[in-house]
C-alpha atoms as a PDB file:
ATOM      1  CA  MET A   1     125.964  46.275-114.308  1.00  0.00           C
ATOM      2  CA  LYS A   2     125.635  42.675-113.146  1.00  0.00           C
ATOM      3  CA  LYS A   3     121.867  42.922-113.275  1.00  0.00           C
ATOM      4  CA  TYR A   4     121.990  43.587-117.009  1.00  0.00           C
ATOM      5  CA  ILE A   5     124.558  40.872-117.633  1.00  0.00           C
ATOM      6  CA  PHE A   6     122.257  38.341-115.958  1.00  0.00           C
ATOM      7  CA  THR A   7     119.292  39.596-117.977  1.00  0.00           C
ATOM      8  CA  ALA A   8     121.216  39.396-121.257  1.00  0.00           C
ATOM      9  CA  ALA A   9     122.609  35.972-120.294  1.00  0.00           C
ATOM     10  CA  GLY A  10     119.092  34.751-119.554  1.00  0.00           C
ATOM     11  CA  LEU A  11     117.884  35.929-122.957  1.00  0.00           C
ATOM     12  CA  MET A  12     120.878  34.301-124.646  1.00  0.00           C
ATOM     13  CA  GLY A  13     120.199  31.095-122.732  1.00  0.00           C
ATOM     14  CA  LEU A  14     116.596  31.123-123.929  1.00  0.00           C
ATOM     15  CA  TYR A  15     117.793  31.674-127.490  1.00  0.00           C
ATOM     16  CA  LEU A  16     120.234  28.749-127.302  1.00  0.00           C
ATOM     17  CA  PHE A  17     117.660  26.489-125.648  1.00  0.00           C
ATOM     18  CA  ASN A  18     115.172  27.369-128.377  1.00  0.00           C
ATOM     19  CA  ARG A  19     117.701  26.942-131.195  1.00  0.00           C
ATOM     20  CA  PHE A  20     119.232  23.655-130.102  1.00  0.00           C
ATOM     21  CA  ALA A  21     116.582  21.960-127.947  1.00  0.00           C
ATOM     22  CA  LEU A  22     113.105  23.173-128.889  1.00  0.00           C
ATOM     23  CA  ILE A  23     113.251  23.778-132.646  1.00  0.00           C
ATOM     24  CA  PRO A  24     114.706  20.350-133.540  1.00  0.00           C
ATOM     25  CA  ARG A  25     111.986  18.613-131.493  1.00  0.00           C
ATOM     26  CA  THR A  26     108.929  20.448-132.781  1.00  0.00           C
ATOM     27  CA  SER A  27     106.878  20.464-135.945  1.00  0.00           C
ATOM     28  CA  GLY A  28     103.912  22.227-137.446  1.00  0.00           C
ATOM     29  CA  LEU A  29     102.735  25.593-136.180  1.00  0.00           C
ATOM     30  CA  LEU A  30     104.803  25.464-132.984  1.00  0.00           C
ATOM     31  CA  HIS A  31     107.963  24.802-135.033  1.00  0.00           C
ATOM     32  CA  ARG A  32     107.163  27.731-137.295  1.00  0.00           C
ATOM     33  CA  LEU A  33     106.573  30.058-134.352  1.00  0.00           C
ATOM     34  CA  LEU A  34     109.729  28.978-132.542  1.00  0.00           C
ATOM     35  CA  SER A  35     111.980  29.008-135.603  1.00  0.00           C
ATOM     36  CA  GLY A  36     110.516  32.085-137.265  1.00  0.00           C
ATOM     37  CA  TYR A  37     109.493  34.469-134.513  1.00  0.00           C
ATOM     38  CA  PHE A  38     110.834  33.523-131.097  1.00  0.00           C
ATOM     39  CA  ALA A  39     114.392  34.579-131.952  1.00  0.00           C
ATOM     40  CA  ASP A  40     113.058  37.964-133.098  1.00  0.00           C
ATOM     41  CA  PHE A  41     111.054  38.237-129.875  1.00  0.00           C
ATOM     42  CA  LEU A  42     114.219  37.586-127.871  1.00  0.00           C
ATOM     43  CA  ALA A  43     116.204  40.010-130.042  1.00  0.00           C
ATOM     44  CA  GLY A  44     113.827  42.826-129.134  1.00  0.00           C
ATOM     45  CA  GLY A  45     114.461  42.133-125.471  1.00  0.00           C
ATOM     46  CA  MET A  46     118.205  41.804-125.970  1.00  0.00           C
ATOM     47  CA  MET A  47     118.446  45.160-127.759  1.00  0.00           C
ATOM     48  CA  LEU A  48     116.763  46.947-124.903  1.00  0.00           C
ATOM     49  CA  ALA A  49     118.762  45.102-122.254  1.00  0.00           C
ATOM     50  CA  LEU A  50     121.955  46.239-123.992  1.00  0.00           C
ATOM     51  CA  LEU A  51     120.608  49.792-124.261  1.00  0.00           C
ATOM     52  CA  PHE A  52     119.902  49.886-120.525  1.00  0.00           C
ATOM     53  CA  ALA A  53     123.367  48.454-119.781  1.00  0.00           C
ATOM     54  CA  VAL A  54     125.134  51.078-121.903  1.00  0.00           C
ATOM     55  CA  LEU A  55     123.083  53.880-120.363  1.00  0.00           C
ATOM     56  CA  HIS A  56     123.844  52.533-116.897  1.00  0.00           C
ATOM     57  CA  LEU A  57     127.573  52.554-117.674  1.00  0.00           C
ATOM     58  CA  ALA A  58     127.260  56.153-118.890  1.00  0.00           C
ATOM     59  CA  HIS A  59     125.369  57.093-115.689  1.00  0.00           C
ATOM     60  CA  ARG A  60     122.332  58.127-117.721  1.00  0.00           C
ATOM     61  CA  LYS A  61     118.683  57.660-116.851  1.00  0.00           C
ATOM     62  CA  PRO A  62     116.761  54.969-118.706  1.00  0.00           C
ATOM     63  CA  PRO A  63     114.657  56.239-121.600  1.00  0.00           C
ATOM     64  CA  LYS A  64     110.888  56.454-121.548  1.00  0.00           C
ATOM     65  CA  PRO A  65     109.063  53.273-122.621  1.00  0.00           C
ATOM     66  CA  TRP A  66     107.887  54.857-125.879  1.00  0.00           C
ATOM     67  CA  HIS A  67     111.470  55.678-126.807  1.00  0.00           C
ATOM     68  CA  CYS A  68     112.488  52.083-126.145  1.00  0.00           C
ATOM     69  CA  LEU A  69     109.681  50.768-128.335  1.00  0.00           C
ATOM     70  CA  ALA A  70     110.600  53.274-131.047  1.00  0.00           C
ATOM     71  CA  LEU A  71     114.152  51.899-131.020  1.00  0.00           C
ATOM     72  CA  ALA A  72     112.827  48.345-131.298  1.00  0.00           C
ATOM     73  CA  LEU A  73     110.584  49.420-134.193  1.00  0.00           C
ATOM     74  CA  VAL A  74     113.446  51.092-136.071  1.00  0.00           C
ATOM     75  CA  CYS A  75     115.678  48.049-135.563  1.00  0.00           C
ATOM     76  CA  GLY A  76     112.900  45.727-136.725  1.00  0.00           C
ATOM     77  CA  LEU A  77     112.240  47.848-139.807  1.00  0.00           C
ATOM     78  CA  PHE A  78     115.950  47.929-140.609  1.00  0.00           C
ATOM     79  CA  TRP A  79     116.316  44.144-140.281  1.00  0.00           C
ATOM     80  CA  GLU A  80     113.257  43.444-142.374  1.00  0.00           C
ATOM     81  CA  TYR A  81     113.600  46.002-145.157  1.00  0.00           C
ATOM     82  CA  ILE A  82     117.251  47.124-145.350  1.00  0.00           C
ATOM     83  CA  THR A  83     119.128  43.938-144.456  1.00  0.00           C
ATOM     84  CA  PRO A  84     117.656  41.966-147.415  1.00  0.00           C
ATOM     85  CA  LEU A  85     119.170  44.577-149.730  1.00  0.00           C
ATOM     86  CA  TYR A  86     122.724  43.589-148.810  1.00  0.00           C
ATOM     87  CA  LEU A  87     122.351  40.070-147.386  1.00  0.00           C
ATOM     88  CA  PRO A  88     120.935  37.737-150.064  1.00  0.00           C
ATOM     89  CA  ARG A  89     119.897  34.962-147.639  1.00  0.00           C
ATOM     90  CA  SER A  90     117.813  37.439-145.608  1.00  0.00           C
ATOM     91  CA  VAL A  91     114.104  37.678-146.335  1.00  0.00           C
ATOM     92  CA  SER A  92     111.565  40.263-145.306  1.00  0.00           C
ATOM     93  CA  ASP A  93     108.689  39.255-143.015  1.00  0.00           C
ATOM     94  CA  PRO A  94     106.558  42.050-141.535  1.00  0.00           C
ATOM     95  CA  TRP A  95     105.466  39.765-138.673  1.00  0.00           C
ATOM     96  CA  ASP A  96     109.076  39.773-137.464  1.00  0.00           C
ATOM     97  CA  ILE A  97     108.700  43.490-136.723  1.00  0.00           C
ATOM     98  CA  LEU A  98     105.782  42.710-134.430  1.00  0.00           C
ATOM     99  CA  ALA A  99     107.825  39.973-132.736  1.00  0.00           C
ATOM    100  CA  VAL A 100     110.678  42.423-132.066  1.00  0.00           C
ATOM    101  CA  LEU A 101     108.243  44.983-130.651  1.00  0.00           C
ATOM    102  CA  LEU A 102     106.548  42.415-128.439  1.00  0.00           C
ATOM    103  CA  GLY A 103     109.904  41.182-127.161  1.00  0.00           C
ATOM    104  CA  GLY A 104     111.010  44.714-126.369  1.00  0.00           C
ATOM    105  CA  GLY A 105     107.707  45.452-124.670  1.00  0.00           C
ATOM    106  CA  ALA A 106     107.872  42.247-122.644  1.00  0.00           C
ATOM    107  CA  ILE A 107     111.333  42.989-121.236  1.00  0.00           C
ATOM    108  CA  LEU A 108     110.662  46.630-120.358  1.00  0.00           C
ATOM    109  CA  PRO A 109     108.929  45.960-117.006  1.00  0.00           C
ATOM    110  CA  ILE A 110     111.873  43.796-115.968  1.00  0.00           C
ATOM    111  CA  LEU A 111     114.427  46.412-117.017  1.00  0.00           C
ATOM    112  CA  TYR A 112     112.623  49.219-115.213  1.00  0.00           C
ATOM    113  CA  ARG A 113     112.322  47.015-112.127  1.00  0.00           C
ATOM    114  CA  LEU A 114     116.082  46.502-112.198  1.00  0.00           C
ATOM    115  CA  GLU A 115     116.521  50.279-112.169  1.00  0.00           C
ATOM    116  CA  GLU A 116     114.764  50.634-108.800  1.00  0.00           C
END
């Protein structure tokens, strides 16, 4: 279980570093990428790290990569198209879905490596 806690803590650390150190010090395209998409990228990784942790606690095998990416896709679609229906400050951006998928895909090799 520790291996997933460290992975999740690393992702959270990256999020906090981005939010409080990088975003305030950038401008232009880099600022837009960091403030608009990097958090979604990290969220995709965090979702899958939590999934692997819960499955590990339940003594279940990790899912196939396509199932993990399907979960990330469903979560991204929900956040982009359902959340704005009940949270007025939320806006829909289809590129966020890609960021979530890329983040989930980027963390998968690390998560499967931790399973070995």
